[in-house]
Amino acid sequence: MRYQIILLLLVFSVSEAFALNVTMSTKIQGGDKPIVVGKTNLPDGTDLMVSIERNKSAYGGQSKVKVSRGEFRAGPFTQKGSAFNPGTYTLKITVPFAPTQPSSVQSVIGDHGQELQGSLVKRGALGKFAEYHSTFKVAGAVSAIKDKMARQQDMKDRHEWWIKNCKDICTASQVQSGDITNFDWERCYNKCLAEEKKK
């Protein structure tokens, strides 16, 4: 019995030795065109998704980066090429599921992230993953007018994208139908446009 307890303790100790307690820290540089600079103990080559959002100015941006020598850098982020509006932004850094990571990273974190531990680690359908959350401020006086203009521009850009997308879809459908003459392109286009209102 004593031998079994010692063996269990050894197995537990060995598995704990291989576990990675994920750590991450960030700082923001670049002022109103922010650059996210971070440090982590994740292995070199780990893919990260860096996301910044601010609903009040309809901003959402992402950048995929790799860990190198325990560090990563993403940005500069801009709002369609322009500086960020002043205000508070949310920062999220996701370590995507292990099966999508390079094999050298999987050898450290496990093929399903089973070696990941700590407060940043979550469990999903494909295994464990890590997620870091923070906020940062872009200096300056918050302007409700600037934020409203940014939201309006975002709505306009989305609408223009939808129009172009509908044209492309209906043109492709017309070609695929094999009957270009009798294909009801207008009906296809109007049906597509109606879907935008449901979103």
C-alpha atoms as a PDB file:
ATOM      1  CA  MET A   1       0.000   0.000   0.000  1.00  0.00           C
ATOM      2  CA  ARG A   2       2.802   2.375   0.928  1.00  0.00           C
ATOM      3  CA  TYR A   3       4.546   1.583  -2.374  1.00  0.00           C
ATOM      4  CA  GLN A   4       1.357   2.441  -4.316  1.00  0.00           C
ATOM      5  CA  ILE A   5       1.021   5.810  -2.563  1.00  0.00           C
ATOM      6  CA  ILE A   6       4.656   6.664  -3.323  1.00  0.00           C
ATOM      7  CA  LEU A   7       4.139   5.623  -6.954  1.00  0.00           C
ATOM      8  CA  LEU A   8       1.012   7.810  -7.233  1.00  0.00           C
ATOM      9  CA  LEU A   9       2.883  10.760  -5.746  1.00  0.00           C
ATOM     10  CA  LEU A  10       5.716  10.261  -8.247  1.00  0.00           C
ATOM     11  CA  VAL A  11       3.300  10.109 -11.186  1.00  0.00           C
ATOM     12  CA  PHE A  12       1.527  13.249  -9.932  1.00  0.00           C
ATOM     13  CA  SER A  13       4.840  15.057  -9.470  1.00  0.00           C
ATOM     14  CA  VAL A  14       6.044  14.109 -12.958  1.00  0.00           C
ATOM     15  CA  SER A  15       2.791  15.286 -14.578  1.00  0.00           C
ATOM     16  CA  GLU A  16       2.953  18.545 -12.599  1.00  0.00           C
ATOM     17  CA  ALA A  17       6.541  19.080 -13.759  1.00  0.00           C
ATOM     18  CA  PHE A  18       5.406  19.027 -17.390  1.00  0.00           C
ATOM     19  CA  ALA A  19       2.442  21.354 -16.837  1.00  0.00           C
ATOM     20  CA  LEU A  20       2.786  24.949 -18.038  1.00  0.00           C
ATOM     21  CA  ASN A  21       1.275  27.616 -15.781  1.00  0.00           C
ATOM     22  CA  VAL A  22       0.592  30.247 -18.449  1.00  0.00           C
ATOM     23  CA  THR A  23       1.696  33.805 -17.690  1.00  0.00           C
ATOM     24  CA  MET A  24       1.203  36.905 -19.814  1.00  0.00           C
ATOM     25  CA  SER A  25       1.666  40.646 -19.417  1.00  0.00           C
ATOM     26  CA  THR A  26       1.228  43.542 -21.835  1.00  0.00           C
ATOM     27  CA  LYS A  27       1.985  47.214 -22.242  1.00  0.00           C
ATOM     28  CA  ILE A  28       0.658  49.626 -24.841  1.00  0.00           C
ATOM     29  CA  GLN A  29       2.902  51.860 -26.908  1.00  0.00           C
ATOM     30  CA  GLY A  30       2.222  54.142 -29.855  1.00  0.00           C
ATOM     31  CA  GLY A  31      -0.351  56.514 -28.360  1.00  0.00           C
ATOM     32  CA  ASP A  32      -3.471  56.807 -30.533  1.00  0.00           C
ATOM     33  CA  LYS A  33      -2.153  54.160 -32.967  1.00  0.00           C
ATOM     34  CA  PRO A  34      -1.552  51.499 -30.329  1.00  0.00           C
ATOM     35  CA  ILE A  35       1.076  48.801 -30.434  1.00  0.00           C
ATOM     36  CA  VAL A  36       0.614  45.843 -28.067  1.00  0.00           C
ATOM     37  CA  VAL A  37       3.906  44.608 -26.615  1.00  0.00           C
ATOM     38  CA  GLY A  38       3.717  41.485 -24.474  1.00  0.00           C
ATOM     39  CA  LYS A  39       5.673  38.915 -22.541  1.00  0.00           C
ATOM     40  CA  THR A  40       4.697  35.303 -21.927  1.00  0.00           C
ATOM     41  CA  ASN A  41       6.173  31.966 -20.891  1.00  0.00           C
ATOM     42  CA  LEU A  42       4.474  30.196 -23.813  1.00  0.00           C
ATOM     43  CA  PRO A  43       6.963  28.446 -26.120  1.00  0.00           C
ATOM     44  CA  ASP A  44       8.493  30.204 -29.097  1.00  0.00           C
ATOM     45  CA  GLY A  45       6.385  29.804 -32.223  1.00  0.00           C
ATOM     46  CA  THR A  46       3.067  29.901 -30.350  1.00  0.00           C
ATOM     47  CA  ASP A  47       0.405  31.596 -32.470  1.00  0.00           C
ATOM     48  CA  LEU A  48      -1.565  34.313 -30.686  1.00  0.00           C
ATOM     49  CA  MET A  49      -4.602  36.317 -31.791  1.00  0.00           C
ATOM     50  CA  VAL A  50      -4.496  39.891 -30.479  1.00  0.00           C
ATOM     51  CA  SER A  51      -7.892  41.640 -30.555  1.00  0.00           C
ATOM     52  CA  ILE A  52      -8.846  45.213 -29.677  1.00  0.00           C
ATOM     53  CA  GLU A  53     -12.443  46.480 -29.441  1.00  0.00           C
ATOM     54  CA  ARG A  54     -14.387  49.594 -28.535  1.00  0.00           C
ATOM     55  CA  ASN A  55     -18.107  49.460 -29.255  1.00  0.00           C
ATOM     56  CA  LYS A  56     -18.658  53.203 -28.784  1.00  0.00           C
ATOM     57  CA  SER A  57     -16.542  53.930 -31.858  1.00  0.00           C
ATOM     58  CA  ALA A  58     -17.514  50.704 -33.696  1.00  0.00           C
ATOM     59  CA  TYR A  59     -13.931  49.496 -33.621  1.00  0.00           C
ATOM     60  CA  GLY A  60     -12.811  45.902 -33.784  1.00  0.00           C
ATOM     61  CA  GLY A  61      -9.387  44.835 -35.012  1.00  0.00           C
ATOM     62  CA  GLN A  62      -7.235  41.694 -34.876  1.00  0.00           C
ATOM     63  CA  SER A  63      -3.668  40.723 -35.552  1.00  0.00           C
ATOM     64  CA  LYS A  64      -2.125  37.245 -35.586  1.00  0.00           C
ATOM     65  CA  VAL A  65       1.373  37.120 -34.094  1.00  0.00           C
ATOM     66  CA  LYS A  66       3.937  34.564 -32.954  1.00  0.00           C
ATOM     67  CA  VAL A  67       5.799  34.340 -29.676  1.00  0.00           C
ATOM     68  CA  SER A  68       9.540  34.858 -30.110  1.00  0.00           C
ATOM     69  CA  ARG A  69      11.999  34.698 -27.193  1.00  0.00           C
ATOM     70  CA  GLY A  70       9.117  34.986 -24.776  1.00  0.00           C
ATOM     71  CA  GLU A  71       7.790  38.171 -26.356  1.00  0.00           C
ATOM     72  CA  PHE A  72       5.251  39.282 -28.969  1.00  0.00           C
ATOM     73  CA  ARG A  73       4.299  42.522 -30.686  1.00  0.00           C
ATOM     74  CA  ALA A  74       1.141  43.491 -32.590  1.00  0.00           C
ATOM     75  CA  GLY A  75       0.289  46.721 -34.361  1.00  0.00           C
ATOM     76  CA  PRO A  76       0.179  49.548 -34.849  1.00  0.00           C
ATOM     77  CA  PHE A  77      -3.621  49.288 -34.859  1.00  0.00           C
ATOM     78  CA  THR A  78      -5.594  52.028 -36.607  1.00  0.00           C
ATOM     79  CA  GLN A  79      -9.235  52.788 -37.294  1.00  0.00           C
ATOM     80  CA  LYS A  80      -9.248  52.435 -41.090  1.00  0.00           C
ATOM     81  CA  GLY A  81      -5.849  54.127 -41.264  1.00  0.00           C
ATOM     82  CA  SER A  82      -6.720  56.890 -38.812  1.00  0.00           C
ATOM     83  CA  ALA A  83      -5.868  57.384 -35.153  1.00  0.00           C
ATOM     84  CA  PHE A  84      -8.094  55.816 -32.486  1.00  0.00           C
ATOM     85  CA  ASN A  85     -10.707  58.016 -30.890  1.00  0.00           C
ATOM     86  CA  PRO A  86      -9.920  58.783 -27.224  1.00  0.00           C
ATOM     87  CA  GLY A  87     -11.509  56.366 -24.766  1.00  0.00           C
ATOM     88  CA  THR A  88     -11.212  52.950 -23.139  1.00  0.00           C
ATOM     89  CA  TYR A  89     -10.515  49.908 -25.331  1.00  0.00           C
ATOM     90  CA  THR A  90     -10.648  46.223 -24.475  1.00  0.00           C
ATOM     91  CA  LEU A  91      -7.695  43.989 -25.249  1.00  0.00           C
ATOM     92  CA  LYS A  92      -8.003  40.234 -25.637  1.00  0.00           C
ATOM     93  CA  ILE A  93      -5.174  37.856 -26.446  1.00  0.00           C
ATOM     94  CA  THR A  94      -6.183  34.320 -27.332  1.00  0.00           C
ATOM     95  CA  VAL A  95      -3.939  31.293 -27.568  1.00  0.00           C
ATOM     96  CA  PRO A  96      -5.841  29.268 -30.192  1.00  0.00           C
ATOM     97  CA  PHE A  97      -6.522  25.570 -29.646  1.00  0.00           C
ATOM     98  CA  ALA A  98      -3.455  23.332 -29.603  1.00  0.00           C
ATOM     99  CA  PRO A  99      -4.366  21.342 -32.762  1.00  0.00           C
ATOM    100  CA  THR A 100      -3.895  24.579 -34.762  1.00  0.00           C
ATOM    101  CA  GLN A 101      -0.475  25.295 -33.230  1.00  0.00           C
ATOM    102  CA  PRO A 102       2.882  24.191 -34.710  1.00  0.00           C
ATOM    103  CA  SER A 103       4.062  20.715 -33.640  1.00  0.00           C
ATOM    104  CA  SER A 104       6.969  22.228 -31.677  1.00  0.00           C
ATOM    105  CA  VAL A 105       4.425  24.136 -29.559  1.00  0.00           C
ATOM    106  CA  GLN A 106       2.162  21.094 -29.167  1.00  0.00           C
ATOM    107  CA  SER A 107       5.117  19.143 -27.761  1.00  0.00           C
ATOM    108  CA  VAL A 108       5.167  21.612 -24.837  1.00  0.00           C
ATOM    109  CA  ILE A 109       1.477  22.432 -24.297  1.00  0.00           C
ATOM    110  CA  GLY A 110       0.068  19.045 -25.338  1.00  0.00           C
ATOM    111  CA  ASP A 111      -1.751  18.109 -28.542  1.00  0.00           C
ATOM    112  CA  HIS A 112      -5.032  19.251 -26.941  1.00  0.00           C
ATOM    113  CA  GLY A 113      -3.573  21.821 -24.552  1.00  0.00           C
ATOM    114  CA  GLN A 114      -3.698  19.359 -21.657  1.00  0.00           C
ATOM    115  CA  GLU A 115      -0.429  20.712 -20.209  1.00  0.00           C
ATOM    116  CA  LEU A 116      -1.802  24.271 -19.925  1.00  0.00           C
ATOM    117  CA  GLN A 117      -2.654  25.442 -16.404  1.00  0.00           C
ATOM    118  CA  GLY A 118      -3.389  28.629 -14.505  1.00  0.00           C
ATOM    119  CA  SER A 119      -5.961  31.403 -14.271  1.00  0.00           C
ATOM    120  CA  LEU A 120      -5.751  32.235 -18.011  1.00  0.00           C
ATOM    121  CA  VAL A 121      -6.648  28.699 -19.088  1.00  0.00           C
ATOM    122  CA  LYS A 122     -10.141  27.712 -20.214  1.00  0.00           C
ATOM    123  CA  ARG A 123     -11.655  24.500 -21.505  1.00  0.00           C
ATOM    124  CA  GLY A 124     -13.357  24.298 -24.901  1.00  0.00           C
ATOM    125  CA  ALA A 125     -14.731  21.667 -27.252  1.00  0.00           C
ATOM    126  CA  LEU A 126     -11.280  21.030 -28.759  1.00  0.00           C
ATOM    127  CA  GLY A 127      -9.365  21.040 -25.476  1.00  0.00           C
ATOM    128  CA  LYS A 128      -7.735  23.677 -23.298  1.00  0.00           C
ATOM    129  CA  PHE A 129      -6.783  27.138 -24.513  1.00  0.00           C
ATOM    130  CA  ALA A 130      -5.616  30.369 -22.863  1.00  0.00           C
ATOM    131  CA  GLU A 131      -7.128  33.835 -22.956  1.00  0.00           C
ATOM    132  CA  TYR A 132      -5.818  37.107 -21.513  1.00  0.00           C
ATOM    133  CA  HIS A 133      -8.057  40.165 -20.961  1.00  0.00           C
ATOM    134  CA  SER A 134      -7.166  43.767 -20.207  1.00  0.00           C
ATOM    135  CA  THR A 135      -8.200  47.347 -20.969  1.00  0.00           C
ATOM    136  CA  PHE A 136      -6.257  50.446 -21.931  1.00  0.00           C
ATOM    137  CA  LYS A 137      -7.033  54.101 -22.549  1.00  0.00           C
ATOM    138  CA  VAL A 138      -6.247  56.271 -25.509  1.00  0.00           C
ATOM    139  CA  ALA A 139      -5.581  59.719 -24.077  1.00  0.00           C
ATOM    140  CA  GLY A 140      -7.666  62.753 -24.891  1.00  0.00           C
ATOM    141  CA  ALA A 141     -11.158  64.063 -24.331  1.00  0.00           C
ATOM    142  CA  VAL A 142     -13.790  61.476 -25.227  1.00  0.00           C
ATOM    143  CA  SER A 143     -15.937  62.884 -28.021  1.00  0.00           C
ATOM    144  CA  ALA A 144     -19.488  61.619 -28.480  1.00  0.00           C
ATOM    145  CA  ILE A 145     -19.530  63.334 -31.889  1.00  0.00           C
ATOM    146  CA  LYS A 146     -16.361  61.558 -33.086  1.00  0.00           C
ATOM    147  CA  ASP A 147     -17.691  58.238 -31.791  1.00  0.00           C
ATOM    148  CA  LYS A 148     -21.017  58.761 -33.571  1.00  0.00           C
ATOM    149  CA  MET A 149     -19.195  59.630 -36.815  1.00  0.00           C
ATOM    150  CA  ALA A 150     -17.110  56.459 -36.494  1.00  0.00           C
ATOM    151  CA  ARG A 151     -20.247  54.340 -36.001  1.00  0.00           C
ATOM    152  CA  GLN A 152     -21.944  55.968 -38.995  1.00  0.00           C
ATOM    153  CA  GLN A 153     -18.871  55.367 -41.171  1.00  0.00           C
ATOM    154  CA  ASP A 154     -18.793  51.749 -40.046  1.00  0.00           C
ATOM    155  CA  MET A 155     -22.462  51.289 -41.012  1.00  0.00           C
ATOM    156  CA  LYS A 156     -21.797  52.882 -44.408  1.00  0.00           C
ATOM    157  CA  ASP A 157     -18.765  50.656 -45.023  1.00  0.00           C
ATOM    158  CA  ARG A 158     -20.716  47.542 -44.046  1.00  0.00           C
ATOM    159  CA  HIS A 159     -23.553  48.495 -46.375  1.00  0.00           C
ATOM    160  CA  GLU A 160     -21.175  49.068 -49.293  1.00  0.00           C
ATOM    161  CA  TRP A 161     -19.528  45.705 -48.575  1.00  0.00           C
ATOM    162  CA  TRP A 162     -22.964  44.028 -48.555  1.00  0.00           C
ATOM    163  CA  ILE A 163     -23.889  45.579 -51.923  1.00  0.00           C
ATOM    164  CA  LYS A 164     -20.627  44.413 -53.510  1.00  0.00           C
ATOM    165  CA  ASN A 165     -20.985  40.962 -51.948  1.00  0.00           C
ATOM    166  CA  CYS A 166     -24.540  40.581 -53.292  1.00  0.00           C
ATOM    167  CA  LYS A 167     -23.416  41.588 -56.793  1.00  0.00           C
ATOM    168  CA  ASP A 168     -20.593  39.033 -56.674  1.00  0.00           C
ATOM    169  CA  ILE A 169     -22.863  36.266 -55.355  1.00  0.00           C
ATOM    170  CA  CYS A 170     -25.549  36.814 -57.995  1.00  0.00           C
ATOM    171  CA  THR A 171     -23.048  37.110 -60.842  1.00  0.00           C
ATOM    172  CA  ALA A 172     -21.416  33.825 -59.756  1.00  0.00           C
ATOM    173  CA  SER A 173     -24.849  32.170 -59.372  1.00  0.00           C
ATOM    174  CA  GLN A 174     -25.814  33.362 -62.861  1.00  0.00           C
ATOM    175  CA  VAL A 175     -22.683  31.797 -64.364  1.00  0.00           C
ATOM    176  CA  GLN A 176     -23.120  28.558 -62.382  1.00  0.00           C
ATOM    177  CA  SER A 177     -26.745  28.231 -63.476  1.00  0.00           C
ATOM    178  CA  GLY A 178     -25.613  27.686 -67.051  1.00  0.00           C
ATOM    179  CA  ASP A 179     -28.562  29.758 -68.251  1.00  0.00           C
ATOM    180  CA  ILE A 180     -27.280  33.333 -68.251  1.00  0.00           C
ATOM    181  CA  THR A 181     -30.170  34.629 -70.377  1.00  0.00           C
ATOM    182  CA  ASN A 182     -33.020  33.379 -68.181  1.00  0.00           C
ATOM    183  CA  PHE A 183     -31.350  33.787 -64.778  1.00  0.00           C
ATOM    184  CA  ASP A 184     -33.324  36.297 -62.666  1.00  0.00           C
ATOM    185  CA  TRP A 185     -30.363  38.392 -61.527  1.00  0.00           C
ATOM    186  CA  GLU A 186     -32.550  41.189 -60.099  1.00  0.00           C
ATOM    187  CA  ARG A 187     -34.514  38.733 -57.955  1.00  0.00           C
ATOM    188  CA  CYS A 188     -31.283  37.196 -56.649  1.00  0.00           C
ATOM    189  CA  TYR A 189     -29.831  40.640 -55.910  1.00  0.00           C
ATOM    190  CA  ASN A 190     -32.940  41.965 -54.123  1.00  0.00           C
ATOM    191  CA  LYS A 191     -33.228  38.782 -52.047  1.00  0.00           C
ATOM    192  CA  CYS A 192     -29.593  39.120 -51.029  1.00  0.00           C
ATOM    193  CA  LEU A 193     -30.018  42.791 -50.096  1.00  0.00           C
ATOM    194  CA  ALA A 194     -33.075  41.926 -47.959  1.00  0.00           C
ATOM    195  CA  GLU A 195     -30.854  39.670 -45.822  1.00  0.00           C
ATOM    196  CA  GLU A 196     -28.866  42.714 -44.689  1.00  0.00           C
ATOM    197  CA  LYS A 197     -31.918  44.098 -42.874  1.00  0.00           C
ATOM    198  CA  LYS A 198     -32.233  40.850 -40.886  1.00  0.00           C
ATOM    199  CA  LYS A 199     -28.709  41.162 -39.494  1.00  0.00           C
END
